[in-house]
Amino acid sequence: MALILNLETSSKNCSVALFNRNDCISFKEICSENYSHSENLATFIKDVVDDYGVSFSDISAISISKGPGSYTGLRIGMASAKGLCYALSIPLIGLNSLEIMTCQVLSNNSGFDLFRPMINSRKNEVYTALYDINLNLVEPIASVSVHQDSFNTNHYKKVICFGTGSEKVKNIIPNGNFLLDIMPSARSMGSMSFQKFSENDFEDVAYCDPFYLKEAIV
């Protein structure tokens, strides 16, 4: 048995899922415009563990979405994940929020060749990347300013754009395909988390930080 507790706090979603290997066995999630991570994350963690009838000492690893995304949400999620790892003496797994979103969309949209997740950044910018159907990066993760020439539209007949940031590009990719309501979810982290667990691909708990991509404006 490999019980991995997955935490996703990079967006308005506060999401926690407990997986046994590749199987989701307990899950809680809430999407709030007020970013309710500080109020709900600790409760959700306790609930998903209690609901399956195991104790924290049974957990094999913690998996956290490192970002990019909401600065505050990422800080809260990372602090909780690292605290659990220290308290339980278990390893930490780090995942990318854009890749998590792509896993969600891949399972139900196999007719596309390329996948572009988009997360709102500041002002007229989005965090984005481009993946193929095997989750290989075609274009690197970046914060992109949205304007008429931001994206190569030559191949957009076979690309699906999704996430909170995709609303910003609808008018500049007229032949694009869009899913606007996709947000990273802990329920889509299981297979990637278990693969990293199986390969002993762990973060250094002491030095692991959120992947902000851009510095926060204070």
N, C-alpha and C. Protein backbone atom coordinates (compact mmCIF):
# COMPACT_ATOMS: atom_id res chain seq x y z
N MET A 1 0.85 -1.20 0.00
CA MET A 1 0.00 0.00 0.00
C MET A 1 0.88 1.24 0.00
N ALA A 2 0.57 2.18 -0.87
CA ALA A 2 1.28 3.46 -0.91
C ALA A 2 0.23 4.57 -0.82
N LEU A 3 0.04 5.10 0.37
CA LEU A 3 -0.93 6.16 0.58
C LEU A 3 -0.24 7.51 0.40
N ILE A 4 -0.70 8.26 -0.60
CA ILE A 4 -0.11 9.56 -0.89
C ILE A 4 -1.19 10.63 -0.73
N LEU A 5 -0.91 11.62 0.11
CA LEU A 5 -1.83 12.72 0.34
C LEU A 5 -1.46 13.86 -0.60
N ASN A 6 -2.42 14.24 -1.47
CA ASN A 6 -2.19 15.25 -2.50
C ASN A 6 -2.88 16.56 -2.13
N LEU A 7 -2.14 17.66 -2.22
CA LEU A 7 -2.66 18.98 -1.88
C LEU A 7 -2.54 19.91 -3.08
N GLU A 8 -3.64 20.60 -3.42
CA GLU A 8 -3.62 21.55 -4.54
C GLU A 8 -4.23 22.87 -4.08
N THR A 9 -3.40 23.92 -4.04
CA THR A 9 -3.85 25.23 -3.55
C THR A 9 -3.40 26.37 -4.46
N SER A 10 -3.13 26.08 -5.72
CA SER A 10 -2.56 27.09 -6.60
C SER A 10 -3.60 28.02 -7.23
N SER A 11 -4.89 27.74 -7.01
CA SER A 11 -5.95 28.56 -7.61
C SER A 11 -7.03 28.82 -6.58
N LYS A 12 -8.22 29.21 -7.03
CA LYS A 12 -9.35 29.39 -6.12
C LYS A 12 -9.79 28.07 -5.51
N ASN A 13 -9.40 26.98 -6.12
CA ASN A 13 -9.68 25.65 -5.61
C ASN A 13 -8.82 25.35 -4.39
N CYS A 14 -9.44 24.88 -3.33
CA CYS A 14 -8.72 24.27 -2.22
C CYS A 14 -9.07 22.79 -2.28
N SER A 15 -8.07 21.95 -2.56
CA SER A 15 -8.35 20.58 -2.98
C SER A 15 -7.39 19.61 -2.31
N VAL A 16 -7.94 18.55 -1.74
CA VAL A 16 -7.14 17.52 -1.05
C VAL A 16 -7.66 16.15 -1.47
N ALA A 17 -6.75 15.26 -1.82
CA ALA A 17 -7.13 13.90 -2.22
C ALA A 17 -6.14 12.90 -1.66
N LEU A 18 -6.67 11.80 -1.14
CA LEU A 18 -5.84 10.70 -0.67
C LEU A 18 -5.90 9.58 -1.70
N PHE A 19 -4.73 9.16 -2.15
CA PHE A 19 -4.63 8.08 -3.14
C PHE A 19 -3.92 6.88 -2.54
N ASN A 20 -4.41 5.70 -2.89
CA ASN A 20 -3.67 4.46 -2.67
C ASN A 20 -3.12 4.04 -4.03
N ARG A 21 -1.83 4.24 -4.22
CA ARG A 21 -1.20 4.07 -5.52
C ARG A 21 -1.91 4.98 -6.53
N ASN A 22 -2.59 4.44 -7.53
CA ASN A 22 -3.26 5.26 -8.55
C ASN A 22 -4.74 5.48 -8.29
N ASP A 23 -5.25 4.98 -7.19
CA ASP A 23 -6.69 5.04 -6.92
C ASP A 23 -7.03 6.12 -5.90
N CYS A 24 -7.93 7.03 -6.28
CA CYS A 24 -8.40 8.05 -5.35
C CYS A 24 -9.40 7.43 -4.38
N ILE A 25 -9.08 7.50 -3.10
CA ILE A 25 -9.91 6.83 -2.10
C ILE A 25 -10.63 7.81 -1.17
N SER A 26 -10.23 9.07 -1.18
CA SER A 26 -10.90 10.08 -0.37
C SER A 26 -10.56 11.45 -0.94
N PHE A 27 -11.57 12.35 -0.97
CA PHE A 27 -11.37 13.60 -1.70
C PHE A 27 -12.28 14.69 -1.15
N LYS A 28 -11.73 15.91 -1.00
CA LYS A 28 -12.53 17.08 -0.63
C LYS A 28 -12.02 18.28 -1.41
N GLU A 29 -12.96 19.15 -1.80
CA GLU A 29 -12.58 20.30 -2.63
C GLU A 29 -13.64 21.38 -2.50
N ILE A 30 -13.18 22.61 -2.51
CA ILE A 30 -14.10 23.74 -2.56
C ILE A 30 -13.47 24.83 -3.41
N CYS A 31 -14.28 25.47 -4.24
CA CYS A 31 -13.82 26.58 -5.07
C CYS A 31 -14.47 27.85 -4.54
N SER A 32 -13.64 28.79 -4.09
CA SER A 32 -14.16 30.01 -3.47
C SER A 32 -13.50 31.23 -4.08
N GLU A 33 -14.29 32.23 -4.44
CA GLU A 33 -13.75 33.48 -4.95
C GLU A 33 -12.88 34.18 -3.92
N ASN A 34 -13.07 33.83 -2.65
CA ASN A 34 -12.33 34.47 -1.56
C ASN A 34 -11.06 33.73 -1.18
N TYR A 35 -10.69 32.72 -1.97
CA TYR A 35 -9.46 31.94 -1.69
C TYR A 35 -9.45 31.47 -0.23
N SER A 36 -10.19 30.40 0.03
CA SER A 36 -10.45 29.94 1.40
C SER A 36 -9.43 28.93 1.91
N HIS A 37 -8.24 28.92 1.35
CA HIS A 37 -7.26 27.90 1.71
C HIS A 37 -6.91 27.92 3.20
N SER A 38 -6.71 29.11 3.75
CA SER A 38 -6.30 29.19 5.16
C SER A 38 -7.39 28.67 6.09
N GLU A 39 -8.65 28.81 5.68
CA GLU A 39 -9.76 28.34 6.52
C GLU A 39 -10.03 26.85 6.34
N ASN A 40 -9.78 26.30 5.15
CA ASN A 40 -10.26 24.95 4.85
C ASN A 40 -9.19 23.87 4.72
N LEU A 41 -7.96 24.24 4.41
CA LEU A 41 -6.98 23.21 4.06
C LEU A 41 -6.73 22.22 5.19
N ALA A 42 -6.48 22.70 6.39
CA ALA A 42 -6.19 21.79 7.51
C ALA A 42 -7.38 20.87 7.79
N THR A 43 -8.60 21.42 7.71
CA THR A 43 -9.80 20.61 7.95
C THR A 43 -9.96 19.55 6.87
N PHE A 44 -9.73 19.93 5.61
CA PHE A 44 -9.84 18.96 4.51
C PHE A 44 -8.83 17.83 4.66
N ILE A 45 -7.61 18.17 5.07
CA ILE A 45 -6.58 17.15 5.25
C ILE A 45 -7.02 16.13 6.30
N LYS A 46 -7.50 16.63 7.42
CA LYS A 46 -7.97 15.71 8.47
C LYS A 46 -9.17 14.89 8.00
N ASP A 47 -10.07 15.53 7.28
CA ASP A 47 -11.29 14.83 6.84
C ASP A 47 -10.98 13.69 5.88
N VAL A 48 -10.11 13.92 4.89
CA VAL A 48 -9.87 12.85 3.91
C VAL A 48 -9.14 11.66 4.54
N VAL A 49 -8.31 11.94 5.53
CA VAL A 49 -7.63 10.84 6.23
C VAL A 49 -8.63 10.08 7.11
N ASP A 50 -9.44 10.81 7.86
CA ASP A 50 -10.43 10.18 8.75
C ASP A 50 -11.48 9.41 7.95
N ASP A 51 -11.90 9.97 6.80
CA ASP A 51 -12.97 9.34 6.01
C ASP A 51 -12.58 7.95 5.53
N TYR A 52 -11.30 7.74 5.28
CA TYR A 52 -10.86 6.42 4.81
C TYR A 52 -10.50 5.49 5.96
N GLY A 53 -10.50 6.00 7.17
CA GLY A 53 -10.27 5.16 8.33
C GLY A 53 -8.82 4.79 8.57
N VAL A 54 -7.91 5.67 8.12
CA VAL A 54 -6.49 5.43 8.38
C VAL A 54 -5.98 6.55 9.30
N SER A 55 -4.76 6.40 9.76
CA SER A 55 -4.15 7.44 10.58
C SER A 55 -3.05 8.12 9.78
N PHE A 56 -2.60 9.26 10.26
CA PHE A 56 -1.54 9.97 9.56
C PHE A 56 -0.25 9.16 9.49
N SER A 57 -0.04 8.30 10.45
CA SER A 57 1.16 7.46 10.44
C SER A 57 1.16 6.45 9.30
N ASP A 58 -0.01 6.23 8.66
CA ASP A 58 -0.09 5.30 7.53
C ASP A 58 0.30 5.95 6.20
N ILE A 59 0.39 7.27 6.17
CA ILE A 59 0.66 7.98 4.93
C ILE A 59 2.12 7.80 4.52
N SER A 60 2.31 7.52 3.23
CA SER A 60 3.66 7.24 2.71
C SER A 60 4.38 8.49 2.22
N ALA A 61 3.65 9.48 1.73
CA ALA A 61 4.26 10.69 1.18
C ALA A 61 3.20 11.78 1.05
N ILE A 62 3.68 13.02 0.97
CA ILE A 62 2.83 14.18 0.68
C ILE A 62 3.19 14.69 -0.71
N SER A 63 2.18 14.98 -1.53
CA SER A 63 2.42 15.56 -2.84
C SER A 63 1.77 16.94 -2.89
N ILE A 64 2.53 17.93 -3.36
CA ILE A 64 2.05 19.31 -3.37
C ILE A 64 2.18 19.90 -4.77
N SER A 65 1.18 20.66 -5.16
CA SER A 65 1.28 21.45 -6.39
C SER A 65 2.14 22.68 -6.09
N LYS A 66 3.30 22.79 -6.76
CA LYS A 66 4.25 23.85 -6.47
C LYS A 66 3.92 25.16 -7.18
N GLY A 67 3.03 25.11 -8.19
CA GLY A 67 2.72 26.30 -8.94
C GLY A 67 3.04 26.09 -10.42
N PRO A 68 2.91 27.17 -11.19
CA PRO A 68 2.59 28.54 -10.80
C PRO A 68 1.12 28.71 -10.45
N GLY A 69 0.83 29.89 -9.90
CA GLY A 69 -0.55 30.18 -9.52
C GLY A 69 -0.62 31.29 -8.49
N SER A 70 -1.62 31.22 -7.64
CA SER A 70 -1.84 32.21 -6.59
C SER A 70 -0.70 32.19 -5.58
N TYR A 71 -0.07 33.34 -5.38
CA TYR A 71 1.05 33.41 -4.45
C TYR A 71 0.64 32.96 -3.05
N THR A 72 -0.48 33.50 -2.55
CA THR A 72 -0.91 33.17 -1.20
C THR A 72 -1.28 31.71 -1.09
N GLY A 73 -2.05 31.20 -2.05
CA GLY A 73 -2.43 29.79 -2.03
C GLY A 73 -1.22 28.87 -2.05
N LEU A 74 -0.23 29.20 -2.88
CA LEU A 74 0.97 28.36 -2.97
C LEU A 74 1.74 28.36 -1.66
N ARG A 75 1.84 29.51 -1.01
CA ARG A 75 2.57 29.58 0.26
C ARG A 75 1.87 28.74 1.33
N ILE A 76 0.53 28.83 1.38
CA ILE A 76 -0.21 28.06 2.38
C ILE A 76 -0.07 26.57 2.14
N GLY A 77 -0.21 26.15 0.88
CA GLY A 77 -0.10 24.73 0.56
C GLY A 77 1.29 24.18 0.85
N MET A 78 2.32 24.93 0.47
CA MET A 78 3.69 24.46 0.68
C MET A 78 4.01 24.37 2.18
N ALA A 79 3.59 25.36 2.95
CA ALA A 79 3.85 25.33 4.39
C ALA A 79 3.18 24.12 5.04
N SER A 80 1.95 23.83 4.63
CA SER A 80 1.24 22.68 5.19
C SER A 80 1.92 21.37 4.80
N ALA A 81 2.31 21.26 3.53
CA ALA A 81 2.94 20.03 3.05
C ALA A 81 4.27 19.78 3.75
N LYS A 82 5.08 20.81 3.88
CA LYS A 82 6.38 20.65 4.52
C LYS A 82 6.21 20.34 6.01
N GLY A 83 5.22 20.97 6.65
CA GLY A 83 4.97 20.68 8.06
C GLY A 83 4.60 19.23 8.29
N LEU A 84 3.76 18.69 7.40
CA LEU A 84 3.37 17.28 7.52
C LEU A 84 4.57 16.35 7.29
N CYS A 85 5.38 16.70 6.31
CA CYS A 85 6.56 15.86 6.02
C CYS A 85 7.52 15.83 7.21
N TYR A 86 7.75 16.98 7.82
CA TYR A 86 8.62 17.02 8.99
C TYR A 86 8.02 16.24 10.16
N ALA A 87 6.72 16.45 10.39
CA ALA A 87 6.08 15.81 11.54
C ALA A 87 6.01 14.29 11.40
N LEU A 88 5.81 13.82 10.16
CA LEU A 88 5.62 12.39 9.92
C LEU A 88 6.89 11.70 9.42
N SER A 89 7.93 12.48 9.16
CA SER A 89 9.19 11.94 8.61
C SER A 89 8.95 11.15 7.32
N ILE A 90 8.23 11.80 6.39
CA ILE A 90 7.93 11.18 5.10
C ILE A 90 8.36 12.12 3.98
N PRO A 91 8.54 11.59 2.77
CA PRO A 91 9.04 12.43 1.66
C PRO A 91 7.98 13.36 1.07
N LEU A 92 8.50 14.37 0.37
CA LEU A 92 7.67 15.37 -0.30
C LEU A 92 7.82 15.24 -1.81
N ILE A 93 6.69 15.22 -2.50
CA ILE A 93 6.65 15.16 -3.96
C ILE A 93 6.15 16.51 -4.47
N GLY A 94 6.80 17.05 -5.49
CA GLY A 94 6.39 18.32 -6.07
C GLY A 94 5.88 18.16 -7.49
N LEU A 95 4.72 18.76 -7.79
CA LEU A 95 4.14 18.71 -9.13
C LEU A 95 3.89 20.13 -9.65
N ASN A 96 3.73 20.21 -10.95
CA ASN A 96 3.47 21.50 -11.60
C ASN A 96 1.97 21.65 -11.85
N SER A 97 1.43 22.81 -11.50
CA SER A 97 -0.02 23.01 -11.60
C SER A 97 -0.51 22.97 -13.05
N LEU A 98 0.29 23.44 -14.00
CA LEU A 98 -0.11 23.40 -15.41
C LEU A 98 -0.18 21.96 -15.92
N GLU A 99 0.74 21.13 -15.44
CA GLU A 99 0.73 19.73 -15.84
C GLU A 99 -0.45 18.99 -15.21
N ILE A 100 -0.79 19.36 -13.98
CA ILE A 100 -1.96 18.76 -13.32
C ILE A 100 -3.22 19.06 -14.13
N MET A 101 -3.38 20.30 -14.56
CA MET A 101 -4.53 20.67 -15.38
C MET A 101 -4.56 19.88 -16.69
N THR A 102 -3.40 19.71 -17.28
CA THR A 102 -3.34 18.99 -18.56
C THR A 102 -3.76 17.54 -18.39
N CYS A 103 -3.37 16.93 -17.28
CA CYS A 103 -3.82 15.56 -17.00
C CYS A 103 -5.34 15.47 -16.91
N GLN A 104 -5.96 16.48 -16.30
CA GLN A 104 -7.42 16.50 -16.21
C GLN A 104 -8.06 16.50 -17.59
N VAL A 105 -7.53 17.35 -18.47
CA VAL A 105 -8.15 17.53 -19.79
C VAL A 105 -7.83 16.35 -20.72
N LEU A 106 -6.64 15.79 -20.60
CA LEU A 106 -6.23 14.68 -21.47
C LEU A 106 -7.19 13.50 -21.39
N SER A 107 -7.69 13.22 -20.20
CA SER A 107 -8.51 12.02 -20.01
C SER A 107 -9.83 12.08 -20.76
N ASN A 108 -10.31 13.30 -21.06
CA ASN A 108 -11.62 13.43 -21.71
C ASN A 108 -11.56 14.10 -23.08
N ASN A 109 -10.36 14.44 -23.54
CA ASN A 109 -10.25 15.17 -24.81
C ASN A 109 -9.11 14.60 -25.65
N SER A 110 -9.19 13.32 -25.92
CA SER A 110 -8.11 12.62 -26.62
C SER A 110 -8.04 12.98 -28.10
N GLY A 111 -9.01 13.73 -28.63
CA GLY A 111 -9.01 14.07 -30.03
C GLY A 111 -8.06 15.19 -30.39
N PHE A 112 -7.43 15.82 -29.40
CA PHE A 112 -6.52 16.92 -29.66
C PHE A 112 -5.07 16.44 -29.62
N ASP A 113 -4.22 17.16 -30.34
CA ASP A 113 -2.80 16.82 -30.40
C ASP A 113 -1.97 17.62 -29.41
N LEU A 114 -2.39 18.86 -29.15
CA LEU A 114 -1.63 19.76 -28.28
C LEU A 114 -2.55 20.36 -27.22
N PHE A 115 -1.99 20.62 -26.05
CA PHE A 115 -2.79 21.05 -24.89
C PHE A 115 -2.12 22.27 -24.26
N ARG A 116 -2.90 23.38 -24.17
CA ARG A 116 -2.34 24.61 -23.60
C ARG A 116 -3.12 25.02 -22.35
N PRO A 117 -2.60 24.68 -21.16
CA PRO A 117 -3.21 25.17 -19.93
C PRO A 117 -2.88 26.64 -19.73
N MET A 118 -3.81 27.37 -19.11
CA MET A 118 -3.59 28.80 -18.87
C MET A 118 -4.16 29.17 -17.51
N ILE A 119 -3.32 29.79 -16.70
CA ILE A 119 -3.72 30.26 -15.38
C ILE A 119 -3.57 31.77 -15.35
N ASN A 120 -4.57 32.46 -14.82
CA ASN A 120 -4.50 33.91 -14.73
C ASN A 120 -3.27 34.33 -13.94
N SER A 121 -2.56 35.31 -14.49
CA SER A 121 -1.48 35.97 -13.78
C SER A 121 -1.95 37.41 -13.54
N ARG A 122 -1.04 38.30 -13.36
CA ARG A 122 -1.42 39.69 -13.12
C ARG A 122 -1.84 40.38 -14.42
N LYS A 123 -2.70 41.36 -14.29
CA LYS A 123 -3.13 42.21 -15.40
C LYS A 123 -3.46 41.39 -16.65
N ASN A 124 -2.73 41.63 -17.73
CA ASN A 124 -3.07 40.96 -18.99
C ASN A 124 -2.07 39.84 -19.30
N GLU A 125 -1.73 39.07 -18.29
CA GLU A 125 -0.76 38.00 -18.46
C GLU A 125 -1.37 36.66 -18.03
N VAL A 126 -0.80 35.59 -18.57
CA VAL A 126 -1.20 34.24 -18.17
C VAL A 126 0.05 33.39 -17.95
N TYR A 127 -0.04 32.46 -17.01
CA TYR A 127 0.96 31.41 -16.90
C TYR A 127 0.53 30.30 -17.86
N THR A 128 1.45 29.85 -18.69
CA THR A 128 1.06 28.86 -19.69
C THR A 128 2.24 28.01 -20.12
N ALA A 129 1.94 26.96 -20.83
CA ALA A 129 2.92 26.08 -21.47
C ALA A 129 2.17 25.34 -22.57
N LEU A 130 2.86 24.53 -23.33
CA LEU A 130 2.22 23.72 -24.37
C LEU A 130 2.73 22.30 -24.24
N TYR A 131 1.78 21.34 -24.12
CA TYR A 131 2.12 19.93 -23.95
C TYR A 131 1.58 19.12 -25.12
N ASP A 132 2.26 18.01 -25.42
CA ASP A 132 1.69 17.06 -26.37
C ASP A 132 0.89 16.01 -25.61
N ILE A 133 0.38 15.04 -26.33
CA ILE A 133 -0.53 14.06 -25.73
C ILE A 133 0.17 13.15 -24.73
N ASN A 134 1.51 13.13 -24.75
CA ASN A 134 2.29 12.33 -23.81
C ASN A 134 2.85 13.16 -22.66
N LEU A 135 2.33 14.38 -22.50
CA LEU A 135 2.75 15.31 -21.46
C LEU A 135 4.19 15.79 -21.63
N ASN A 136 4.70 15.72 -22.83
CA ASN A 136 6.01 16.32 -23.12
C ASN A 136 5.83 17.81 -23.39
N LEU A 137 6.75 18.62 -22.89
CA LEU A 137 6.68 20.06 -23.13
C LEU A 137 7.04 20.38 -24.58
N VAL A 138 6.14 21.07 -25.27
CA VAL A 138 6.40 21.56 -26.62
C VAL A 138 6.88 23.01 -26.56
N GLU A 139 6.29 23.78 -25.66
CA GLU A 139 6.74 25.13 -25.36
C GLU A 139 6.91 25.25 -23.85
N PRO A 140 7.96 25.92 -23.39
CA PRO A 140 8.25 25.93 -21.95
C PRO A 140 7.25 26.73 -21.13
N ILE A 141 7.23 26.48 -19.85
CA ILE A 141 6.39 27.21 -18.91
C ILE A 141 6.85 28.67 -18.86
N ALA A 142 5.90 29.59 -18.97
CA ALA A 142 6.25 31.01 -18.99
C ALA A 142 5.06 31.85 -18.56
N SER A 143 5.35 33.07 -18.14
CA SER A 143 4.31 34.08 -17.95
C SER A 143 4.28 34.93 -19.21
N VAL A 144 3.14 34.90 -19.91
CA VAL A 144 3.05 35.50 -21.24
C VAL A 144 2.08 36.68 -21.22
N SER A 145 2.52 37.79 -21.77
CA SER A 145 1.64 38.94 -21.95
C SER A 145 0.73 38.68 -23.15
N VAL A 146 -0.57 38.83 -22.94
CA VAL A 146 -1.54 38.48 -23.98
C VAL A 146 -1.76 39.65 -24.93
N HIS A 147 -1.39 39.43 -26.19
CA HIS A 147 -1.69 40.38 -27.25
C HIS A 147 -1.82 39.60 -28.56
N GLN A 148 -2.05 40.28 -29.63
CA GLN A 148 -2.41 39.62 -30.89
C GLN A 148 -1.35 38.63 -31.37
N ASP A 149 -0.09 38.90 -31.04
CA ASP A 149 0.99 38.05 -31.54
C ASP A 149 1.59 37.15 -30.45
N SER A 150 0.86 36.94 -29.37
CA SER A 150 1.41 36.18 -28.25
C SER A 150 1.60 34.71 -28.58
N PHE A 151 0.74 34.15 -29.41
CA PHE A 151 0.75 32.70 -29.63
C PHE A 151 0.78 32.38 -31.11
N ASN A 152 1.44 31.29 -31.42
CA ASN A 152 1.47 30.79 -32.79
C ASN A 152 0.12 30.15 -33.10
N THR A 153 -0.63 30.78 -33.99
CA THR A 153 -1.98 30.29 -34.30
C THR A 153 -2.00 29.33 -35.49
N ASN A 154 -0.84 29.03 -36.05
CA ASN A 154 -0.82 28.16 -37.23
C ASN A 154 -1.35 26.77 -36.96
N HIS A 155 -1.19 26.30 -35.72
CA HIS A 155 -1.58 24.92 -35.42
C HIS A 155 -2.76 24.84 -34.47
N TYR A 156 -3.50 25.93 -34.29
CA TYR A 156 -4.51 25.92 -33.24
C TYR A 156 -5.78 25.13 -33.56
N LYS A 157 -5.89 24.59 -34.78
CA LYS A 157 -7.04 23.73 -35.04
C LYS A 157 -6.95 22.44 -34.25
N LYS A 158 -5.76 22.04 -33.84
CA LYS A 158 -5.61 20.80 -33.09
C LYS A 158 -5.19 21.04 -31.64
N VAL A 159 -5.28 22.27 -31.19
CA VAL A 159 -4.91 22.63 -29.83
C VAL A 159 -6.16 22.94 -29.03
N ILE A 160 -6.17 22.52 -27.77
CA ILE A 160 -7.23 22.93 -26.86
C ILE A 160 -6.61 23.79 -25.76
N CYS A 161 -7.23 24.95 -25.54
CA CYS A 161 -6.79 25.88 -24.51
C CYS A 161 -7.76 25.79 -23.33
N PHE A 162 -7.23 25.80 -22.13
CA PHE A 162 -8.11 25.59 -20.98
C PHE A 162 -7.55 26.25 -19.74
N GLY A 163 -8.45 26.52 -18.79
CA GLY A 163 -8.07 27.15 -17.54
C GLY A 163 -8.57 28.57 -17.45
N THR A 164 -8.37 29.17 -16.27
CA THR A 164 -8.90 30.50 -16.00
C THR A 164 -8.31 31.56 -16.92
N GLY A 165 -7.09 31.35 -17.41
CA GLY A 165 -6.47 32.34 -18.27
C GLY A 165 -6.92 32.28 -19.71
N SER A 166 -7.59 31.21 -20.10
CA SER A 166 -7.95 31.06 -21.51
C SER A 166 -9.03 32.05 -21.96
N GLU A 167 -9.77 32.61 -21.03
CA GLU A 167 -10.76 33.65 -21.37
C GLU A 167 -10.07 34.84 -22.05
N LYS A 168 -8.83 35.11 -21.64
CA LYS A 168 -8.11 36.28 -22.16
C LYS A 168 -7.68 36.12 -23.62
N VAL A 169 -7.62 34.88 -24.11
CA VAL A 169 -7.07 34.66 -25.46
C VAL A 169 -8.15 34.27 -26.47
N LYS A 170 -9.39 34.19 -26.05
CA LYS A 170 -10.45 33.75 -26.98
C LYS A 170 -10.52 34.62 -28.22
N ASN A 171 -10.32 35.92 -28.07
CA ASN A 171 -10.48 36.83 -29.20
C ASN A 171 -9.27 36.86 -30.13
N ILE A 172 -8.15 36.33 -29.68
CA ILE A 172 -6.96 36.37 -30.55
C ILE A 172 -6.65 35.00 -31.16
N ILE A 173 -7.42 33.98 -30.77
CA ILE A 173 -7.29 32.66 -31.39
C ILE A 173 -8.67 32.26 -31.90
N PRO A 174 -9.11 32.80 -33.00
CA PRO A 174 -10.48 32.62 -33.45
C PRO A 174 -10.85 31.19 -33.76
N ASN A 175 -9.88 30.36 -34.13
CA ASN A 175 -10.20 28.97 -34.45
C ASN A 175 -9.79 28.02 -33.33
N GLY A 176 -9.65 28.57 -32.14
CA GLY A 176 -9.23 27.75 -30.99
C GLY A 176 -10.37 26.96 -30.38
N ASN A 177 -10.02 26.02 -29.55
CA ASN A 177 -10.98 25.23 -28.76
C ASN A 177 -10.71 25.53 -27.30
N PHE A 178 -11.78 25.79 -26.54
CA PHE A 178 -11.59 26.33 -25.19
C PHE A 178 -12.42 25.58 -24.14
N LEU A 179 -11.82 25.39 -22.98
CA LEU A 179 -12.50 24.95 -21.77
C LEU A 179 -12.14 25.95 -20.69
N LEU A 180 -13.10 26.78 -20.30
CA LEU A 180 -12.79 27.91 -19.43
C LEU A 180 -12.82 27.56 -17.95
N ASP A 181 -13.51 26.50 -17.57
CA ASP A 181 -13.75 26.25 -16.15
C ASP A 181 -12.82 25.19 -15.56
N ILE A 182 -11.68 24.96 -16.17
CA ILE A 182 -10.73 23.97 -15.66
C ILE A 182 -9.79 24.63 -14.66
N MET A 183 -9.70 24.06 -13.47
CA MET A 183 -8.73 24.49 -12.46
C MET A 183 -7.98 23.28 -11.95
N PRO A 184 -6.76 23.47 -11.48
CA PRO A 184 -6.01 22.33 -10.94
C PRO A 184 -6.76 21.68 -9.78
N SER A 185 -6.76 20.35 -9.75
CA SER A 185 -7.46 19.61 -8.71
C SER A 185 -6.58 18.49 -8.19
N ALA A 186 -6.63 18.28 -6.87
CA ALA A 186 -5.86 17.18 -6.28
C ALA A 186 -6.31 15.83 -6.80
N ARG A 187 -7.53 15.74 -7.29
CA ARG A 187 -8.04 14.48 -7.81
C ARG A 187 -7.30 14.04 -9.08
N SER A 188 -6.60 14.98 -9.73
CA SER A 188 -5.86 14.66 -10.95
C SER A 188 -4.35 14.50 -10.70
N MET A 189 -3.94 14.48 -9.46
CA MET A 189 -2.52 14.40 -9.13
C MET A 189 -2.03 12.97 -8.91
N GLY A 190 -2.93 12.02 -8.73
CA GLY A 190 -2.57 10.70 -8.24
C GLY A 190 -1.56 9.95 -9.07
N SER A 191 -1.77 9.87 -10.39
CA SER A 191 -0.88 9.06 -11.21
C SER A 191 0.52 9.66 -11.27
N MET A 192 0.63 10.99 -11.39
CA MET A 192 1.93 11.63 -11.41
C MET A 192 2.64 11.49 -10.06
N SER A 193 1.87 11.63 -8.99
CA SER A 193 2.46 11.49 -7.65
C SER A 193 2.99 10.08 -7.43
N PHE A 194 2.22 9.08 -7.83
CA PHE A 194 2.65 7.70 -7.60
C PHE A 194 3.86 7.36 -8.47
N GLN A 195 3.91 7.90 -9.68
CA GLN A 195 5.08 7.65 -10.53
C GLN A 195 6.34 8.21 -9.87
N LYS A 196 6.26 9.44 -9.37
CA LYS A 196 7.42 10.03 -8.70
C LYS A 196 7.77 9.26 -7.43
N PHE A 197 6.75 8.81 -6.71
CA PHE A 197 6.99 8.02 -5.50
C PHE A 197 7.72 6.72 -5.85
N SER A 198 7.29 6.07 -6.91
CA SER A 198 7.89 4.80 -7.32
C SER A 198 9.33 4.97 -7.76
N GLU A 199 9.65 6.16 -8.29
CA GLU A 199 11.00 6.44 -8.77
C GLU A 199 11.87 7.14 -7.73
N ASN A 200 11.32 7.29 -6.49
CA ASN A 200 12.04 8.00 -5.43
C ASN A 200 12.43 9.42 -5.86
N ASP A 201 11.55 10.04 -6.61
CA ASP A 201 11.80 11.39 -7.12
C ASP A 201 11.17 12.39 -6.15
N PHE A 202 11.93 12.74 -5.12
CA PHE A 202 11.40 13.55 -4.03
C PHE A 202 12.08 14.92 -3.98
N GLU A 203 11.37 15.86 -3.38
CA GLU A 203 11.92 17.19 -3.14
C GLU A 203 12.77 17.18 -1.86
N ASP A 204 13.68 18.13 -1.78
CA ASP A 204 14.38 18.39 -0.53
C ASP A 204 13.46 19.25 0.33
N VAL A 205 12.93 18.68 1.39
CA VAL A 205 11.90 19.37 2.17
C VAL A 205 12.42 20.71 2.68
N ALA A 206 13.65 20.77 3.09
CA ALA A 206 14.20 22.00 3.67
C ALA A 206 14.27 23.13 2.66
N TYR A 207 14.52 22.81 1.39
CA TYR A 207 14.77 23.84 0.39
C TYR A 207 13.69 23.95 -0.68
N CYS A 208 12.64 23.17 -0.58
CA CYS A 208 11.58 23.22 -1.58
C CYS A 208 10.73 24.49 -1.39
N ASP A 209 10.57 25.25 -2.45
CA ASP A 209 9.77 26.48 -2.42
C ASP A 209 8.72 26.44 -3.52
N PRO A 210 7.67 27.24 -3.38
CA PRO A 210 6.70 27.34 -4.47
C PRO A 210 7.34 27.85 -5.76
N PHE A 211 6.78 27.41 -6.86
CA PHE A 211 7.24 27.86 -8.18
C PHE A 211 6.39 29.05 -8.58
N TYR A 212 6.82 30.25 -8.16
CA TYR A 212 6.02 31.44 -8.41
C TYR A 212 6.10 31.89 -9.86
N LEU A 213 7.22 31.64 -10.52
CA LEU A 213 7.50 32.06 -11.90
C LEU A 213 7.75 33.56 -11.98
N LYS A 214 6.93 34.35 -11.25
CA LYS A 214 7.16 35.79 -11.16
C LYS A 214 7.09 36.18 -9.70
N GLU A 215 7.85 37.21 -9.32
CA GLU A 215 7.85 37.67 -7.94
C GLU A 215 6.52 38.34 -7.62
N ALA A 216 6.07 38.12 -6.37
CA ALA A 216 4.84 38.76 -5.91
C ALA A 216 5.04 40.26 -5.78
N ILE A 217 3.98 41.01 -6.07
CA ILE A 217 4.00 42.46 -5.84
C ILE A 217 3.45 42.73 -4.45
N VAL A 218 4.27 43.31 -3.59
CA VAL A 218 3.87 43.55 -2.21
C VAL A 218 3.38 44.98 -2.07
